[in-house]
Protein backbone atom coordinates (compact mmCIF):
# COMPACT_ATOMS: atom_id res chain seq x y z
CA MET A 1 0.00 0.00 0.00
CA GLU A 2 2.83 2.40 0.78
CA THR A 3 4.30 1.83 -2.69
CA ASP A 4 0.95 2.76 -4.22
CA MET A 5 0.74 5.81 -1.95
CA ASN A 6 4.20 6.95 -3.11
CA LEU A 7 3.21 6.41 -6.73
CA LEU A 8 0.03 8.45 -6.31
CA LEU A 9 1.60 11.34 -4.42
CA ILE A 10 4.94 11.59 -6.22
CA GLY A 11 3.83 10.34 -9.63
CA GLY A 12 0.56 12.26 -9.57
CA ASN A 13 2.18 15.46 -10.85
CA GLY A 14 0.43 17.49 -8.15
CA ASP A 15 -3.04 16.19 -9.03
CA ILE A 16 -3.19 14.07 -5.86
CA GLU A 17 -2.37 15.82 -2.62
CA THR A 18 -3.76 13.44 0.00
CA VAL A 19 -3.91 9.64 0.25
CA PHE A 20 -5.86 7.67 2.84
CA ILE A 21 -4.65 4.13 3.58
CA LEU A 22 -6.99 1.79 5.43
CA ASN A 23 -5.28 -1.10 7.19
CA TRP A 24 -7.29 -4.18 8.22
CA ARG A 25 -6.17 -7.12 10.35
CA LYS A 26 -8.15 -10.30 10.95
CA HIS A 27 -7.69 -11.64 14.48
CA ASN A 28 -6.65 -15.20 15.30
CA ASP A 29 -10.28 -16.17 15.97
CA ASN A 30 -10.91 -15.63 12.21
CA ARG A 31 -14.04 -13.66 13.08
CA HIS A 32 -12.99 -10.24 14.40
CA VAL A 33 -11.24 -7.48 12.46
CA SER A 34 -9.23 -4.46 13.62
CA GLY A 35 -8.69 -1.47 11.40
CA SER A 36 -6.96 1.87 11.20
CA ILE A 37 -6.60 4.72 8.74
CA GLU A 38 -3.45 6.67 7.89
CA VAL A 39 -3.33 9.97 6.01
CA TYR A 40 -0.36 10.90 3.82
CA THR A 41 0.47 14.23 2.19
CA LEU A 42 3.56 15.78 0.63
CA ASP A 43 5.98 17.79 2.76
CA ALA A 44 7.64 21.05 1.66
CA ASN A 45 10.28 19.02 -0.24
CA GLY A 46 7.67 17.03 -2.16
CA MET A 47 8.21 13.84 -0.15
CA PRO A 48 5.32 11.77 1.26
CA VAL A 49 4.82 12.03 5.01
CA ARG A 50 2.23 10.56 7.31
CA ARG A 51 0.07 13.29 8.79
CA GLY A 52 -0.40 12.47 12.45
CA PRO A 53 -0.73 9.06 14.05
CA PRO A 54 -2.93 6.32 12.59
CA GLN A 55 -6.58 6.69 13.60
CA THR A 56 -8.26 3.56 14.95
CA ILE A 57 -11.45 2.43 13.21
CA PHE A 58 -11.90 -0.89 15.05
CA PRO A 59 -12.03 -1.49 17.90
CA ARG A 60 -14.06 1.67 18.27
CA PRO A 61 -12.15 4.01 20.59
CA PRO A 62 -14.06 5.48 23.56
CA ASN A 63 -13.79 9.00 22.09
CA SER A 64 -14.78 7.93 18.58
CA GLN A 65 -17.49 10.58 18.21
CA ASN A 66 -14.65 13.12 18.04
CA GLN A 67 -12.60 11.28 15.43
CA VAL A 68 -12.22 13.42 12.33
CA ILE A 69 -9.65 13.85 9.62
CA THR A 70 -9.52 17.44 8.41
CA ILE A 71 -8.57 18.21 4.82
CA THR A 72 -8.69 21.40 2.78
CA ARG A 73 -10.80 22.11 -0.28
CA ARG A 74 -7.53 22.23 -2.28
CA GLN A 75 -6.62 18.69 -1.16
CA LEU A 76 -10.10 17.35 -1.86
CA PHE A 77 -10.51 18.82 -5.32
CA LEU A 78 -7.14 17.89 -6.79
CA GLY A 79 -5.53 21.25 -6.23
CA ARG A 80 -8.16 22.99 -8.35
CA PRO A 81 -10.95 24.13 -6.04
CA PHE A 82 -14.08 25.71 -7.43
CA ALA A 83 -13.82 29.31 -8.58
CA ASN A 84 -14.69 31.94 -5.99
CA ARG A 85 -14.09 29.47 -3.15
CA ASP A 86 -11.34 29.59 -0.57
CA PRO A 87 -8.97 26.68 -1.31
CA ASN A 88 -8.11 26.59 2.39
CA ASP A 89 -11.70 25.89 3.53
CA LEU A 90 -11.63 22.90 5.87
CA PHE A 91 -13.70 19.74 5.54
CA GLU A 92 -14.07 17.25 8.37
CA TYR A 93 -14.14 13.58 7.39
CA ARG A 94 -15.80 11.84 10.32
CA LEU A 95 -14.57 8.30 10.91
CA ASP A 96 -18.02 7.12 11.98
CA GLU A 97 -18.99 6.99 8.30
CA PRO A 98 -16.33 4.48 7.14
CA ARG A 99 -16.87 2.60 10.41
CA VAL A 100 -20.54 1.98 9.50
CA ALA A 101 -19.67 1.00 5.92
CA ALA A 102 -16.95 -1.36 7.13
CA SER A 103 -19.29 -2.96 9.70
CA ASP A 104 -21.83 -3.67 6.95
CA ALA A 105 -19.17 -5.11 4.63
CA LEU A 106 -17.71 -7.26 7.41
CA ALA A 107 -21.15 -8.66 8.24
CA LEU A 108 -21.59 -9.74 4.60
CA MET A 109 -18.34 -11.73 4.96
CA GLY A 110 -19.36 -13.31 8.27
CA LEU A 111 -16.91 -11.11 10.18
CA ALA A 112 -17.36 -8.58 12.98
CA PRO A 113 -15.54 -5.48 14.20
CA ALA A 114 -13.07 -6.11 17.01
């Protein structure tokens, strides 16, 4: 996944500014799954760096209602935000949304969140 992230960020010619990597791990009981999300951006030298620590998806942390990843309009819209909009506007990506989608997908596979 990190090779793909490097390819997207470095090889994207500036069109991709942010990459989210979701990591999943099936537990030894072959039923429960843990997961986390990492966010990568480019530093001032154009090299990929992880932005902050990984955020836990499963098991759901006690403070999960506050889990958000904040990105700018510029990062979301490939460096070309809509005209007359501030490219530095912030968007909050709440982790409850991928948590629900992942729970549904896991259930279809006979798995459960850790």
